[in-house]
Amino acid sequence: MWEHAGRPDADPHTATCPSCRQAVADLEHLRAAVLPPAAPPADIDTTAVVRRVMDAVRLELRPGRTLPLGEAEEDSWIYESVAARTLRTAAERVPGVLAGSCRITPPGSRTHPARGPSAVHLGITVAYGQDLQDTVRAVRESLVRAARHHLGLALGGLDVTVTDLHDPPSQPREARP
């Protein structure tokens, strides 16, 4: 399809089908974003580009369920993916913590969302050598603050699981014990 992205006339169906023409246009945008220019700038931050592309892909593919925000009489909702990103960021404000999977279970069912507290399950990795109990306690406090003050999300349960240990940023890999 790449080779035909700039030539919708190569296939009669593609030339007349609105869905196919849109797909070709989308491929052209993707090609322009992915393929390097003739003389790539030396100061391009490829990690930022990859992060932005992956964030967009994740949001397009799985925005998640809607979660209730605010008071019972309000009609405010947020996508699970947005709330999860906010909570992972709050967890990573604790020194030595990297946040992983964040699952948020709203009240009700997938087909009938309800108002009320949501349950949060967050996996984290912690820098080797840190006190795990103190770190998890600090992460929980940060998550409660973020849920309450940044999101307006009521929490009914909060599970934080240490899934792994990682090297502290100041310790070179060669010097690991």
Protein backbone atom coordinates (compact mmCIF):
# COMPACT_ATOMS: atom_id res chain seq x y z
CA MET A 1 0.00 0.00 0.00
CA TRP A 2 2.93 2.37 0.66
CA GLU A 3 3.92 2.33 -2.97
CA HIS A 4 0.37 3.27 -4.02
CA ALA A 5 -0.25 5.87 -1.32
CA GLY A 6 0.56 8.78 -3.60
CA ARG A 7 -1.23 7.28 -6.62
CA PRO A 8 -4.90 6.55 -5.92
CA ASP A 9 -5.42 6.24 -9.69
CA ALA A 10 -3.38 2.98 -9.69
CA ASP A 11 -6.49 1.13 -8.49
CA PRO A 12 -9.95 2.08 -9.87
CA HIS A 13 -11.64 1.14 -6.59
CA THR A 14 -9.29 3.33 -4.55
CA ALA A 15 -9.96 6.27 -6.86
CA THR A 16 -13.73 6.15 -6.27
CA CYS A 17 -14.18 4.76 -2.73
CA PRO A 18 -14.34 7.52 -0.07
CA SER A 19 -13.07 5.16 2.66
CA CYS A 20 -10.11 4.04 0.56
CA ARG A 21 -9.28 7.62 -0.45
CA GLN A 22 -9.28 8.59 3.25
CA ALA A 23 -7.05 5.60 4.07
CA VAL A 24 -4.62 6.64 1.33
CA ALA A 25 -4.59 10.23 2.63
CA ASP A 26 -3.90 8.90 6.14
CA LEU A 27 -1.04 6.78 4.82
CA GLU A 28 0.40 9.82 3.08
CA HIS A 29 0.36 11.73 6.39
CA LEU A 30 1.98 8.77 8.12
CA ARG A 31 4.62 8.49 5.40
CA ALA A 32 5.45 12.18 5.75
CA ALA A 33 5.79 11.78 9.53
CA VAL A 34 7.79 8.54 9.47
CA LEU A 35 10.11 8.73 6.49
CA PRO A 36 13.15 10.90 7.02
CA PRO A 37 13.50 14.07 4.97
CA ALA A 38 16.28 14.30 2.40
CA ALA A 39 18.57 16.08 4.88
CA PRO A 40 17.37 15.27 8.43
CA PRO A 41 17.98 17.99 10.99
CA ALA A 42 20.64 17.05 13.52
CA ASP A 43 18.65 18.30 16.51
CA ILE A 44 15.53 16.15 16.04
CA ASP A 45 14.41 14.40 19.24
CA THR A 46 13.34 10.97 18.01
CA THR A 47 12.21 9.81 21.46
CA ALA A 48 9.73 12.68 21.65
CA VAL A 49 8.39 11.84 18.18
CA VAL A 50 8.00 8.17 19.07
CA ARG A 51 6.30 9.07 22.36
CA ARG A 52 3.82 11.40 20.61
CA VAL A 53 3.02 8.83 17.93
CA MET A 54 2.53 6.04 20.48
CA ASP A 55 0.37 8.26 22.71
CA ALA A 56 -1.85 9.04 19.73
CA VAL A 57 -2.05 5.38 18.73
CA ARG A 58 -2.94 4.28 22.26
CA LEU A 59 -5.65 6.92 22.58
CA GLU A 60 -7.11 6.04 19.19
CA LEU A 61 -7.11 2.32 19.82
CA ARG A 62 -8.12 2.15 23.47
CA PRO A 63 -9.36 5.29 25.15
CA GLY A 64 -10.93 2.99 27.74
CA ARG A 65 -14.14 3.24 29.63
CA THR A 66 -15.59 6.49 30.87
CA LEU A 67 -15.17 7.25 34.55
CA PRO A 68 -17.43 9.52 36.60
CA LEU A 69 -15.95 12.76 37.88
CA GLY A 70 -17.25 15.13 40.52
CA GLU A 71 -20.42 14.90 42.54
CA ALA A 72 -23.37 12.58 41.90
CA GLU A 73 -25.52 15.33 40.36
CA GLU A 74 -22.79 16.36 37.89
CA ASP A 75 -22.54 14.95 34.40
CA SER A 76 -18.73 14.96 34.09
CA TRP A 77 -16.83 11.99 32.71
CA ILE A 78 -13.23 11.22 31.69
CA TYR A 79 -11.69 8.46 29.61
CA GLU A 80 -9.85 5.81 31.58
CA SER A 81 -6.67 6.37 29.54
CA VAL A 82 -6.55 10.06 30.50
CA ALA A 83 -7.11 9.33 34.18
CA ALA A 84 -4.51 6.53 34.09
CA ARG A 85 -1.92 8.86 32.56
CA THR A 86 -2.59 11.42 35.30
CA LEU A 87 -2.23 8.78 38.02
CA ARG A 88 0.98 7.32 36.52
CA THR A 89 2.44 10.83 36.43
CA ALA A 90 1.50 11.33 40.09
CA ALA A 91 3.19 8.05 41.02
CA GLU A 92 6.37 9.03 39.17
CA ARG A 93 6.61 12.23 41.21
CA VAL A 94 7.79 9.99 44.04
CA PRO A 95 11.60 9.72 43.76
CA GLY A 96 12.82 6.38 42.42
CA VAL A 97 9.41 5.27 41.09
CA LEU A 98 8.51 4.30 37.54
CA ALA A 99 4.82 3.65 36.92
CA GLY A 100 3.63 0.78 34.76
CA SER A 101 0.20 -0.62 34.11
CA CYS A 102 -2.68 1.38 35.55
CA ARG A 103 -6.13 -0.20 35.46
CA ILE A 104 -9.15 1.72 36.67
CA THR A 105 -12.39 -0.11 37.33
CA PRO A 106 -15.39 2.20 37.40
CA PRO A 107 -18.61 1.36 39.19
CA GLY A 108 -21.26 -0.33 37.09
CA SER A 109 -20.58 -2.36 33.97
CA ARG A 110 -18.97 -1.67 30.61
CA THR A 111 -22.35 -1.12 28.98
CA HIS A 112 -23.94 0.76 31.89
CA PRO A 113 -21.45 3.10 33.57
CA ALA A 114 -22.57 4.34 36.96
CA ARG A 115 -21.55 7.10 39.32
CA GLY A 116 -19.54 6.28 42.41
CA PRO A 117 -16.00 5.42 43.47
CA SER A 118 -13.60 3.68 41.09
CA ALA A 119 -10.92 1.14 41.98
CA VAL A 120 -7.32 1.73 40.84
CA HIS A 121 -4.69 -0.98 40.34
CA LEU A 122 -1.20 0.40 39.62
CA GLY A 123 2.05 -1.49 39.03
CA ILE A 124 5.30 0.30 39.80
CA THR A 125 9.02 -0.40 39.76
CA VAL A 126 11.18 1.04 42.51
CA ALA A 127 14.85 1.94 42.53
CA TYR A 128 16.90 -0.76 44.24
CA GLY A 129 17.81 0.16 47.80
CA GLN A 130 14.75 2.29 48.59
CA ASP A 131 12.48 1.42 51.49
CA LEU A 132 9.56 -0.29 49.77
CA GLN A 133 6.96 0.38 52.47
CA ASP A 134 7.77 4.10 52.63
CA THR A 135 7.85 4.34 48.83
CA VAL A 136 4.50 2.58 48.37
CA ARG A 137 2.97 4.77 51.10
CA ALA A 138 4.25 7.90 49.30
CA VAL A 139 2.88 6.64 45.97
CA ARG A 140 -0.53 5.97 47.53
CA GLU A 141 -0.62 9.49 49.01
CA SER A 142 0.36 11.00 45.67
CA LEU A 143 -2.34 8.99 43.87
CA VAL A 144 -5.05 9.99 46.35
CA ARG A 145 -4.10 13.68 45.97
CA ALA A 146 -4.07 13.46 42.17
CA ALA A 147 -7.37 11.60 42.03
CA ARG A 148 -9.04 14.09 44.35
CA HIS A 149 -7.46 17.40 43.32
CA HIS A 150 -6.51 16.94 39.66
CA LEU A 151 -9.29 14.66 38.49
CA GLY A 152 -12.14 14.85 40.97
CA LEU A 153 -12.20 11.05 40.86
CA ALA A 154 -13.62 9.22 43.88
CA LEU A 155 -11.52 6.19 44.85
CA GLY A 156 -13.16 3.08 46.28
CA GLY A 157 -9.98 1.01 46.27
CA LEU A 158 -6.31 1.64 45.60
CA ASP A 159 -3.91 -1.24 44.99
CA VAL A 160 -0.23 -0.46 44.38
CA THR A 161 1.94 -3.43 43.41
CA VAL A 162 5.74 -3.33 43.21
CA THR A 163 6.38 -5.36 40.05
CA ASP A 164 10.17 -4.96 39.82
CA LEU A 165 13.26 -3.15 41.06
CA HIS A 166 15.43 -1.01 38.82
CA ASP A 167 18.87 0.56 39.15
CA PRO A 168 18.95 3.97 40.75
CA PRO A 169 19.63 6.65 38.12
CA SER A 170 22.92 7.68 39.76
CA GLN A 171 24.35 4.15 39.83
CA PRO A 172 26.19 3.20 36.62
CA ARG A 173 25.26 -0.21 35.18
CA GLU A 174 28.84 -1.48 35.45
CA ALA A 175 28.87 -0.85 39.21
CA ARG A 176 25.78 -2.93 39.97
CA PRO A 177 26.12 -5.43 42.83
